[in-house]
All heavy atoms as atom14 arrays in JSON, in Angstrom:
{
  "sequence": "PGGSLRLSCAASGSNLGYFAVGWFRQAPGKEREGVSCISIAGYYTN",
  "atom14_mask": [
    [1, 1, 1, 1, 1, 1, 1, 0, 0, 0, 0, 0, 0, 0],
    [1, 1, 1, 1, 0, 0, 0, 0, 0, 0, 0, 0, 0, 0],
    [1, 1, 1, 1, 0, 0, 0, 0, 0, 0, 0, 0, 0, 0],
    [1, 1, 1, 1, 1, 1, 0, 0, 0, 0, 0, 0, 0, 0],
    [1, 1, 1, 1, 1, 1, 1, 1, 0, 0, 0, 0, 0, 0],
    [1, 1, 1, 1, 1, 1, 1, 1, 1, 1, 1, 0, 0, 0],
    [1, 1, 1, 1, 1, 1, 1, 1, 0, 0, 0, 0, 0, 0],
    [1, 1, 1, 1, 1, 1, 0, 0, 0, 0, 0, 0, 0, 0],
    [1, 1, 1, 1, 1, 1, 0, 0, 0, 0, 0, 0, 0, 0],
    [1, 1, 1, 1, 1, 0, 0, 0, 0, 0, 0, 0, 0, 0],
    [1, 1, 1, 1, 1, 0, 0, 0, 0, 0, 0, 0, 0, 0],
    [1, 1, 1, 1, 1, 1, 0, 0, 0, 0, 0, 0, 0, 0],
    [1, 1, 1, 1, 0, 0, 0, 0, 0, 0, 0, 0, 0, 0],
    [1, 1, 1, 1, 1, 1, 0, 0, 0, 0, 0, 0, 0, 0],
    [1, 1, 1, 1, 1, 1, 1, 1, 0, 0, 0, 0, 0, 0],
    [1, 1, 1, 1, 1, 1, 1, 1, 0, 0, 0, 0, 0, 0],
    [1, 1, 1, 1, 0, 0, 0, 0, 0, 0, 0, 0, 0, 0],
    [1, 1, 1, 1, 1, 1, 1, 1, 1, 1, 1, 1, 0, 0],
    [1, 1, 1, 1, 1, 1, 1, 1, 1, 1, 1, 0, 0, 0],
    [1, 1, 1, 1, 1, 0, 0, 0, 0, 0, 0, 0, 0, 0],
    [1, 1, 1, 1, 1, 1, 1, 0, 0, 0, 0, 0, 0, 0],
    [1, 1, 1, 1, 0, 0, 0, 0, 0, 0, 0, 0, 0, 0],
    [1, 1, 1, 1, 1, 1, 1, 1, 1, 1, 1, 1, 1, 1],
    [1, 1, 1, 1, 1, 1, 1, 1, 1, 1, 1, 0, 0, 0],
    [1, 1, 1, 1, 1, 1, 1, 1, 1, 1, 1, 0, 0, 0],
    [1, 1, 1, 1, 1, 1, 1, 1, 1, 0, 0, 0, 0, 0],
    [1, 1, 1, 1, 1, 0, 0, 0, 0, 0, 0, 0, 0, 0],
    [1, 1, 1, 1, 1, 1, 1, 0, 0, 0, 0, 0, 0, 0],
    [1, 1, 1, 1, 0, 0, 0, 0, 0, 0, 0, 0, 0, 0],
    [1, 1, 1, 1, 1, 1, 1, 1, 1, 0, 0, 0, 0, 0],
    [1, 1, 1, 1, 1, 1, 1, 1, 1, 0, 0, 0, 0, 0],
    [1, 1, 1, 1, 1, 1, 1, 1, 1, 1, 1, 0, 0, 0],
    [1, 1, 1, 1, 1, 1, 1, 1, 1, 0, 0, 0, 0, 0],
    [1, 1, 1, 1, 0, 0, 0, 0, 0, 0, 0, 0, 0, 0],
    [1, 1, 1, 1, 1, 1, 1, 0, 0, 0, 0, 0, 0, 0],
    [1, 1, 1, 1, 1, 1, 0, 0, 0, 0, 0, 0, 0, 0],
    [1, 1, 1, 1, 1, 1, 0, 0, 0, 0, 0, 0, 0, 0],
    [1, 1, 1, 1, 1, 1, 1, 1, 0, 0, 0, 0, 0, 0],
    [1, 1, 1, 1, 1, 1, 0, 0, 0, 0, 0, 0, 0, 0],
    [1, 1, 1, 1, 1, 1, 1, 1, 0, 0, 0, 0, 0, 0],
    [1, 1, 1, 1, 1, 0, 0, 0, 0, 0, 0, 0, 0, 0],
    [1, 1, 1, 1, 0, 0, 0, 0, 0, 0, 0, 0, 0, 0],
    [1, 1, 1, 1, 1, 1, 1, 1, 1, 1, 1, 1, 0, 0],
    [1, 1, 1, 1, 1, 1, 1, 1, 1, 1, 1, 1, 0, 0],
    [1, 1, 1, 1, 1, 1, 1, 0, 0, 0, 0, 0, 0, 0],
    [1, 1, 1, 1, 1, 1, 1, 1, 0, 0, 0, 0, 0, 0]
  ],
  "atom14_positions": [
    [[-0.89, -16.83, -15.34], [-2.25, -16.33, -15.08], [-3.2, -17.48, -14.81], [-3.15, -18.52, -15.49], [-2.6, -15.6, -16.38], [-1.28, -15.16, -16.92], [-0.33, -16.26, -16.59], [0.0, 0.0, 0.0], [0.0, 0.0, 0.0], [0.0, 0.0, 0.0], [0.0, 0.0, 0.0], [0.0, 0.0, 0.0], [0.0, 0.0, 0.0], [0.0, 0.0, 0.0]],
    [[-4.05, -17.29, -13.82], [-4.97, -18.33, -13.41], [-4.42, -19.24, -12.34], [-5.16, -20.05, -11.76], [0.0, 0.0, 0.0], [0.0, 0.0, 0.0], [0.0, 0.0, 0.0], [0.0, 0.0, 0.0], [0.0, 0.0, 0.0], [0.0, 0.0, 0.0], [0.0, 0.0, 0.0], [0.0, 0.0, 0.0], [0.0, 0.0, 0.0], [0.0, 0.0, 0.0]],
    [[-3.14, -19.12, -12.05], [-2.49, -19.97, -11.05], [-2.7, -19.47, -9.64], [-3.41, -18.48, -9.4], [0.0, 0.0, 0.0], [0.0, 0.0, 0.0], [0.0, 0.0, 0.0], [0.0, 0.0, 0.0], [0.0, 0.0, 0.0], [0.0, 0.0, 0.0], [0.0, 0.0, 0.0], [0.0, 0.0, 0.0], [0.0, 0.0, 0.0], [0.0, 0.0, 0.0]],
    [[-2.06, -20.17, -8.71], [-2.22, -19.86, -7.28], [-0.87, -19.79, -6.6], [0.1, -20.44, -7.01], [-3.06, -20.94, -6.59], [-4.37, -21.0, -7.12], [0.0, 0.0, 0.0], [0.0, 0.0, 0.0], [0.0, 0.0, 0.0], [0.0, 0.0, 0.0], [0.0, 0.0, 0.0], [0.0, 0.0, 0.0], [0.0, 0.0, 0.0], [0.0, 0.0, 0.0]],
    [[-0.83, -19.0, -5.55], [0.31, -18.93, -4.64], [-0.22, -18.73, -3.23], [-1.28, -18.13, -3.04], [1.24, -17.76, -4.99], [2.18, -17.88, -6.18], [2.89, -16.53, -6.4], [3.2, -18.98, -5.98], [0.0, 0.0, 0.0], [0.0, 0.0, 0.0], [0.0, 0.0, 0.0], [0.0, 0.0, 0.0], [0.0, 0.0, 0.0], [0.0, 0.0, 0.0]],
    [[0.55, -19.22, -2.27], [0.24, -18.92, -0.87], [1.43, -18.2, -0.25], [2.53, -18.75, -0.17], [-0.1, -20.17, -0.06], [-0.62, -19.81, 1.34], [-1.01, -21.01, 2.17], [0.13, -21.66, 2.79], [0.07, -22.4, 3.88], [-1.11, -22.59, 4.49], [1.14, -22.97, 4.38], [0.0, 0.0, 0.0], [0.0, 0.0, 0.0], [0.0, 0.0, 0.0]],
    [[1.18, -16.97, 0.17], [2.2, -16.21, 0.86], [2.1, -16.45, 2.36], [1.0, -16.62, 2.9], [2.03, -14.72, 0.58], [2.04, -14.3, -0.89], [1.97, -12.78, -0.99], [3.25, -14.82, -1.61], [0.0, 0.0, 0.0], [0.0, 0.0, 0.0], [0.0, 0.0, 0.0], [0.0, 0.0, 0.0], [0.0, 0.0, 0.0], [0.0, 0.0, 0.0]],
    [[3.25, -16.46, 3.01], [3.31, -16.62, 4.45], [3.98, -15.42, 5.08], [4.9, -14.84, 4.52], [4.09, -17.88, 4.81], [3.47, -19.04, 4.31], [0.0, 0.0, 0.0], [0.0, 0.0, 0.0], [0.0, 0.0, 0.0], [0.0, 0.0, 0.0], [0.0, 0.0, 0.0], [0.0, 0.0, 0.0], [0.0, 0.0, 0.0], [0.0, 0.0, 0.0]],
    [[3.51, -15.08, 6.26], [4.1, -14.0, 7.05], [4.45, -14.61, 8.41], [3.54, -14.97, 9.17], [3.11, -12.86, 7.2], [3.65, -11.5, 8.26], [0.0, 0.0, 0.0], [0.0, 0.0, 0.0], [0.0, 0.0, 0.0], [0.0, 0.0, 0.0], [0.0, 0.0, 0.0], [0.0, 0.0, 0.0], [0.0, 0.0, 0.0], [0.0, 0.0, 0.0]],
    [[5.74, -14.74, 8.66], [6.2, -15.37, 9.9], [6.67, -14.29, 10.87], [7.41, -13.39, 10.46], [7.33, -16.34, 9.6], [0.0, 0.0, 0.0], [0.0, 0.0, 0.0], [0.0, 0.0, 0.0], [0.0, 0.0, 0.0], [0.0, 0.0, 0.0], [0.0, 0.0, 0.0], [0.0, 0.0, 0.0], [0.0, 0.0, 0.0], [0.0, 0.0, 0.0]],
    [[6.25, -14.4, 12.1], [6.61, -13.41, 13.11], [7.6, -13.98, 14.12], [7.58, -15.17, 14.42], [5.36, -12.92, 13.84], [0.0, 0.0, 0.0], [0.0, 0.0, 0.0], [0.0, 0.0, 0.0], [0.0, 0.0, 0.0], [0.0, 0.0, 0.0], [0.0, 0.0, 0.0], [0.0, 0.0, 0.0], [0.0, 0.0, 0.0], [0.0, 0.0, 0.0]],
    [[8.43, -13.08, 14.64], [9.35, -13.44, 15.71], [9.52, -12.24, 16.63], [9.16, -11.12, 16.27], [10.71, -13.87, 15.14], [11.3, -12.81, 14.43], [0.0, 0.0, 0.0], [0.0, 0.0, 0.0], [0.0, 0.0, 0.0], [0.0, 0.0, 0.0], [0.0, 0.0, 0.0], [0.0, 0.0, 0.0], [0.0, 0.0, 0.0], [0.0, 0.0, 0.0]],
    [[10.02, -12.5, 17.81], [10.28, -11.42, 18.75], [9.1, -11.07, 19.63], [9.26, -10.39, 20.64], [0.0, 0.0, 0.0], [0.0, 0.0, 0.0], [0.0, 0.0, 0.0], [0.0, 0.0, 0.0], [0.0, 0.0, 0.0], [0.0, 0.0, 0.0], [0.0, 0.0, 0.0], [0.0, 0.0, 0.0], [0.0, 0.0, 0.0], [0.0, 0.0, 0.0]],
    [[7.92, -11.48, 19.24], [6.72, -11.21, 20.04], [5.62, -12.14, 19.57], [5.74, -12.8, 18.55], [6.29, -9.75, 19.87], [5.24, -9.44, 20.76], [0.0, 0.0, 0.0], [0.0, 0.0, 0.0], [0.0, 0.0, 0.0], [0.0, 0.0, 0.0], [0.0, 0.0, 0.0], [0.0, 0.0, 0.0], [0.0, 0.0, 0.0], [0.0, 0.0, 0.0]],
    [[4.56, -12.19, 20.33], [3.42, -13.04, 19.98], [2.55, -12.33, 18.96], [1.95, -11.29, 19.25], [2.61, -13.33, 21.25], [1.5, -14.33, 21.02], [1.09, -14.56, 19.89], [1.0, -14.91, 22.1], [0.0, 0.0, 0.0], [0.0, 0.0, 0.0], [0.0, 0.0, 0.0], [0.0, 0.0, 0.0], [0.0, 0.0, 0.0], [0.0, 0.0, 0.0]],
    [[2.47, -12.9, 17.75], [1.69, -12.28, 16.69], [0.22, -12.2, 17.04], [-0.53, -11.42, 16.46], [1.89, -13.06, 15.39], [1.36, -12.41, 14.11], [2.03, -11.07, 13.84], [1.53, -13.35, 12.93], [0.0, 0.0, 0.0], [0.0, 0.0, 0.0], [0.0, 0.0, 0.0], [0.0, 0.0, 0.0], [0.0, 0.0, 0.0], [0.0, 0.0, 0.0]],
    [[-0.19, -13.01, 18.0], [-1.58, -13.01, 18.42], [-2.05, -11.69, 19.0], [-3.25, -11.44, 19.12], [0.0, 0.0, 0.0], [0.0, 0.0, 0.0], [0.0, 0.0, 0.0], [0.0, 0.0, 0.0], [0.0, 0.0, 0.0], [0.0, 0.0, 0.0], [0.0, 0.0, 0.0], [0.0, 0.0, 0.0], [0.0, 0.0, 0.0], [0.0, 0.0, 0.0]],
    [[-1.12, -10.82, 19.36], [-1.48, -9.51, 19.89], [-1.59, -8.44, 18.8], [-1.83, -7.27, 19.11], [-0.43, -9.05, 20.9], [-0.33, -9.93, 22.13], [0.91, -10.37, 22.6], [-1.46, -10.31, 22.84], [1.01, -11.17, 23.72], [-1.36, -11.11, 23.96], [-0.13, -11.54, 24.4], [-0.02, -12.34, 25.51], [0.0, 0.0, 0.0], [0.0, 0.0, 0.0]],
    [[-1.39, -8.84, 17.54], [-1.32, -7.88, 16.45], [-2.32, -8.22, 15.35], [-2.52, -9.39, 15.01], [0.08, -7.87, 15.83], [1.17, -7.43, 16.76], [1.7, -8.3, 17.7], [1.67, -6.14, 16.69], [2.71, -7.9, 18.56], [2.67, -5.72, 17.54], [3.2, -6.6, 18.47], [0.0, 0.0, 0.0], [0.0, 0.0, 0.0], [0.0, 0.0, 0.0]],
    [[-2.92, -7.19, 14.78], [-3.59, -7.35, 13.5], [-2.52, -7.35, 12.41], [-1.43, -6.8, 12.59], [-4.58, -6.2, 13.27], [0.0, 0.0, 0.0], [0.0, 0.0, 0.0], [0.0, 0.0, 0.0], [0.0, 0.0, 0.0], [0.0, 0.0, 0.0], [0.0, 0.0, 0.0], [0.0, 0.0, 0.0], [0.0, 0.0, 0.0], [0.0, 0.0, 0.0]],
    [[-2.86, -7.97, 11.29], [-1.88, -8.08, 10.2], [-2.52, -7.68, 8.89], [-3.67, -8.03, 8.6], [-1.35, -9.53, 10.1], [-0.42, -9.67, 8.89], [-0.6, -9.91, 11.38], [0.0, 0.0, 0.0], [0.0, 0.0, 0.0], [0.0, 0.0, 0.0], [0.0, 0.0, 0.0], [0.0, 0.0, 0.0], [0.0, 0.0, 0.0], [0.0, 0.0, 0.0]],
    [[-1.76, -6.95, 8.11], [-2.22, -6.56, 6.79], [-1.25, -7.02, 5.72], [-0.05, -7.15, 5.97], [0.0, 0.0, 0.0], [0.0, 0.0, 0.0], [0.0, 0.0, 0.0], [0.0, 0.0, 0.0], [0.0, 0.0, 0.0], [0.0, 0.0, 0.0], [0.0, 0.0, 0.0], [0.0, 0.0, 0.0], [0.0, 0.0, 0.0], [0.0, 0.0, 0.0]],
    [[-1.79, -7.28, 4.55], [-0.97, -7.55, 3.37], [-1.1, -6.37, 2.42], [-2.21, -5.87, 2.19], [-1.43, -8.82, 2.66], [-0.97, -10.08, 3.3], [-1.68, -10.89, 4.15], [0.32, -10.71, 3.15], [-0.92, -11.96, 4.54], [0.31, -11.88, 3.93], [1.48, -10.4, 2.43], [1.41, -12.73, 4.03], [2.56, -11.25, 2.53], [2.52, -12.4, 3.31]],
    [[0.02, -5.96, 1.87], [0.08, -4.84, 0.95], [0.87, -5.28, -0.28], [1.6, -6.27, -0.24], [0.8, -3.65, 1.6], [0.11, -3.12, 2.83], [0.2, -3.79, 4.04], [-0.64, -1.96, 2.77], [-0.44, -3.3, 5.17], [-1.28, -1.46, 3.9], [-1.18, -2.14, 5.09], [0.0, 0.0, 0.0], [0.0, 0.0, 0.0], [0.0, 0.0, 0.0]],
    [[0.73, -4.53, -1.35], [1.55, -4.83, -2.52], [1.92, -3.52, -3.22], [1.22, -2.51, -3.12], [0.84, -5.76, -3.5], [-0.4, -5.16, -4.16], [-1.13, -6.22, -4.97], [-2.31, -5.69, -5.64], [-3.22, -6.44, -6.25], [-3.07, -7.78, -6.28], [-4.26, -5.89, -6.84], [0.0, 0.0, 0.0], [0.0, 0.0, 0.0], [0.0, 0.0, 0.0]],
    [[3.03, -3.6, -3.94], [3.47, -2.44, -4.71], [3.97, -2.92, -6.06], [4.92, -3.71, -6.15], [4.57, -1.68, -3.98], [4.95, -0.38, -4.66], [5.77, 0.52, -3.77], [6.39, 0.08, -2.81], [5.76, 1.82, -4.07], [0.0, 0.0, 0.0], [0.0, 0.0, 0.0], [0.0, 0.0, 0.0], [0.0, 0.0, 0.0], [0.0, 0.0, 0.0]],
    [[3.29, -2.44, -7.1], [3.69, -2.75, -8.46], [4.69, -1.7, -8.92], [4.71, -0.57, -8.41], [2.47, -2.77, -9.37], [0.0, 0.0, 0.0], [0.0, 0.0, 0.0], [0.0, 0.0, 0.0], [0.0, 0.0, 0.0], [0.0, 0.0, 0.0], [0.0, 0.0, 0.0], [0.0, 0.0, 0.0], [0.0, 0.0, 0.0], [0.0, 0.0, 0.0]],
    [[5.51, -2.04, -9.92], [6.49, -1.07, -10.42], [5.82, 0.22, -10.86], [4.83, 0.19, -11.61], [7.13, -1.81, -11.6], [6.95, -3.25, -11.29], [5.64, -3.35, -10.58], [0.0, 0.0, 0.0], [0.0, 0.0, 0.0], [0.0, 0.0, 0.0], [0.0, 0.0, 0.0], [0.0, 0.0, 0.0], [0.0, 0.0, 0.0], [0.0, 0.0, 0.0]],
    [[6.33, 1.32, -10.39], [5.8, 2.61, -10.79], [4.49, 3.01, -10.14], [3.92, 4.05, -10.49], [0.0, 0.0, 0.0], [0.0, 0.0, 0.0], [0.0, 0.0, 0.0], [0.0, 0.0, 0.0], [0.0, 0.0, 0.0], [0.0, 0.0, 0.0], [0.0, 0.0, 0.0], [0.0, 0.0, 0.0], [0.0, 0.0, 0.0], [0.0, 0.0, 0.0]],
    [[4.02, 2.2, -9.21], [2.74, 2.5, -8.55], [2.93, 2.62, -7.05], [3.91, 2.15, -6.49], [1.72, 1.4, -8.86], [1.32, 1.33, -10.33], [0.17, 0.35, -10.53], [-0.28, 0.32, -11.97], [-1.41, -0.62, -12.18], [0.0, 0.0, 0.0], [0.0, 0.0, 0.0], [0.0, 0.0, 0.0], [0.0, 0.0, 0.0], [0.0, 0.0, 0.0]],
    [[1.97, 3.25, -6.44], [2.01, 3.36, -4.98], [1.64, 2.03, -4.32], [0.91, 1.22, -4.91], [1.05, 4.46, -4.53], [1.46, 5.85, -4.94], [0.57, 6.91, -4.3], [-0.4, 6.56, -3.62], [0.88, 8.1, -4.49], [0.0, 0.0, 0.0], [0.0, 0.0, 0.0], [0.0, 0.0, 0.0], [0.0, 0.0, 0.0], [0.0, 0.0, 0.0]],
    [[2.11, 1.87, -3.11], [1.74, 0.69, -2.35], [0.25, 0.72, -2.02], [-0.3, 1.78, -1.7], [2.55, 0.63, -1.06], [2.37, -0.64, -0.24], [3.3, -0.61, 0.95], [2.98, 0.48, 1.85], [3.83, 0.97, 2.75], [5.06, 0.47, 2.84], [3.45, 1.95, 3.55], [0.0, 0.0, 0.0], [0.0, 0.0, 0.0], [0.0, 0.0, 0.0]],
    [[-0.41, -0.41, -2.12], [-1.84, -0.48, -1.83], [-2.14, -1.61, -0.85], [-1.45, -2.64, -0.84], [-2.64, -0.69, -3.12], [-2.35, -2.0, -3.83], [-3.27, -2.23, -5.02], [-4.3, -1.56, -5.15], [-2.93, -3.12, -5.83], [0.0, 0.0, 0.0], [0.0, 0.0, 0.0], [0.0, 0.0, 0.0], [0.0, 0.0, 0.0], [0.0, 0.0, 0.0]],
    [[-3.16, -1.42, -0.06], [-3.6, -2.46, 0.84], [-4.35, -3.54, 0.09], [-5.17, -3.24, -0.79], [0.0, 0.0, 0.0], [0.0, 0.0, 0.0], [0.0, 0.0, 0.0], [0.0, 0.0, 0.0], [0.0, 0.0, 0.0], [0.0, 0.0, 0.0], [0.0, 0.0, 0.0], [0.0, 0.0, 0.0], [0.0, 0.0, 0.0], [0.0, 0.0, 0.0]],
    [[-4.09, -4.78, 0.42], [-4.71, -5.92, -0.25], [-5.73, -6.6, 0.67], [-6.85, -6.88, 0.27], [-3.64, -6.93, -0.68], [-4.28, -8.19, -1.24], [-2.7, -6.31, -1.71], [0.0, 0.0, 0.0], [0.0, 0.0, 0.0], [0.0, 0.0, 0.0], [0.0, 0.0, 0.0], [0.0, 0.0, 0.0], [0.0, 0.0, 0.0], [0.0, 0.0, 0.0]],
    [[-5.31, -6.86, 1.9], [-6.17, -7.57, 2.83], [-5.66, -7.36, 4.25], [-4.48, -7.09, 4.46], [-6.19, -9.07, 2.51], [-7.05, -9.77, 3.39], [0.0, 0.0, 0.0], [0.0, 0.0, 0.0], [0.0, 0.0, 0.0], [0.0, 0.0, 0.0], [0.0, 0.0, 0.0], [0.0, 0.0, 0.0], [0.0, 0.0, 0.0], [0.0, 0.0, 0.0]],
    [[-6.57, -7.44, 5.2], [-6.13, -7.4, 6.6], [-6.97, -8.36, 7.42], [-8.08, -8.75, 7.03], [-6.18, -6.0, 7.18], [-7.83, -5.34, 7.53], [0.0, 0.0, 0.0], [0.0, 0.0, 0.0], [0.0, 0.0, 0.0], [0.0, 0.0, 0.0], [0.0, 0.0, 0.0], [0.0, 0.0, 0.0], [0.0, 0.0, 0.0], [0.0, 0.0, 0.0]],
    [[-6.42, -8.74, 8.57], [-7.1, -9.65, 9.48], [-6.93, -9.13, 10.89], [-5.84, -8.71, 11.28], [-6.58, -11.1, 9.32], [-7.42, -12.09, 10.14], [-5.1, -11.21, 9.67], [-7.19, -13.55, 9.74], [0.0, 0.0, 0.0], [0.0, 0.0, 0.0], [0.0, 0.0, 0.0], [0.0, 0.0, 0.0], [0.0, 0.0, 0.0], [0.0, 0.0, 0.0]],
    [[-8.01, -9.16, 11.63], [-7.98, -8.63, 12.99], [-7.2, -9.55, 13.92], [-6.83, -10.67, 13.55], [-9.4, -8.44, 13.52], [-10.07, -9.7, 13.58], [0.0, 0.0, 0.0], [0.0, 0.0, 0.0], [0.0, 0.0, 0.0], [0.0, 0.0, 0.0], [0.0, 0.0, 0.0], [0.0, 0.0, 0.0], [0.0, 0.0, 0.0], [0.0, 0.0, 0.0]],
    [[-6.97, -9.08, 15.13], [-6.12, -9.8, 16.09], [-6.58, -11.24, 16.28], [-5.8, -12.18, 16.2], [-6.08, -9.04, 17.42], [-5.26, -7.75, 17.26], [-5.48, -9.92, 18.52], [-5.27, -6.87, 18.48], [0.0, 0.0, 0.0], [0.0, 0.0, 0.0], [0.0, 0.0, 0.0], [0.0, 0.0, 0.0], [0.0, 0.0, 0.0], [0.0, 0.0, 0.0]],
    [[-7.84, -11.44, 16.55], [-8.34, -12.79, 16.79], [-8.8, -13.48, 15.52], [-9.23, -14.63, 15.57], [-9.48, -12.74, 17.8], [0.0, 0.0, 0.0], [0.0, 0.0, 0.0], [0.0, 0.0, 0.0], [0.0, 0.0, 0.0], [0.0, 0.0, 0.0], [0.0, 0.0, 0.0], [0.0, 0.0, 0.0], [0.0, 0.0, 0.0], [0.0, 0.0, 0.0]],
    [[-8.75, -12.75, 14.41], [-9.14, -13.36, 13.14], [-10.62, -13.32, 12.85], [-11.06, -13.89, 11.85], [0.0, 0.0, 0.0], [0.0, 0.0, 0.0], [0.0, 0.0, 0.0], [0.0, 0.0, 0.0], [0.0, 0.0, 0.0], [0.0, 0.0, 0.0], [0.0, 0.0, 0.0], [0.0, 0.0, 0.0], [0.0, 0.0, 0.0], [0.0, 0.0, 0.0]],
    [[-11.39, -12.61, 13.69], [-12.84, -12.59, 13.47], [-13.26, -11.67, 12.34], [-14.35, -11.82, 11.78], [-13.56, -12.18, 14.76], [-13.38, -13.16, 15.89], [-12.9, -12.74, 17.12], [-13.69, -14.5, 15.73], [-12.73, -13.64, 18.16], [-13.53, -15.41, 16.76], [-13.06, -14.97, 17.98], [-12.89, -15.85, 19.01], [0.0, 0.0, 0.0], [0.0, 0.0, 0.0]],
    [[-12.4, -10.72, 12.01], [-12.72, -9.78, 10.94], [-11.62, -9.79, 9.89], [-10.43, -9.77, 10.21], [-12.89, -8.36, 11.48], [-13.15, -7.36, 10.39], [-14.37, -7.35, 9.72], [-12.17, -6.46, 9.98], [-14.62, -6.47, 8.69], [-12.41, -5.58, 8.96], [-13.63, -5.6, 8.31], [-13.87, -4.73, 7.28], [0.0, 0.0, 0.0], [0.0, 0.0, 0.0]],
    [[-12.05, -9.83, 8.64], [-11.12, -9.72, 7.53], [-11.64, -8.69, 6.54], [-12.86, -8.46, 6.45], [-10.93, -11.05, 6.8], [-12.2, -11.51, 6.31], [-10.32, -12.11, 7.71], [0.0, 0.0, 0.0], [0.0, 0.0, 0.0], [0.0, 0.0, 0.0], [0.0, 0.0, 0.0], [0.0, 0.0, 0.0], [0.0, 0.0, 0.0], [0.0, 0.0, 0.0]],
    [[-10.75, -8.08, 5.82], [-11.12, -7.09, 4.81], [-10.29, -7.34, 3.56], [-9.13, -7.77, 3.65], [-10.88, -5.68, 5.35], [-11.35, -4.62, 4.38], [-10.63, -4.19, 3.49], [-12.59, -4.2, 4.54], [0.0, 0.0, 0.0], [0.0, 0.0, 0.0], [0.0, 0.0, 0.0], [0.0, 0.0, 0.0], [0.0, 0.0, 0.0], [0.0, 0.0, 0.0]]
  ]
}
């Protein structure tokens, strides 16, 4: 607790620049939830 991690999402097969990307997580016994997303050009994040 209190520590840090950096997750990476690597794409292949196409140019990721044409796609928005979202991060999701699922805890045991819980539904998957959205954590963060970034628009295609990166101008918008949530």
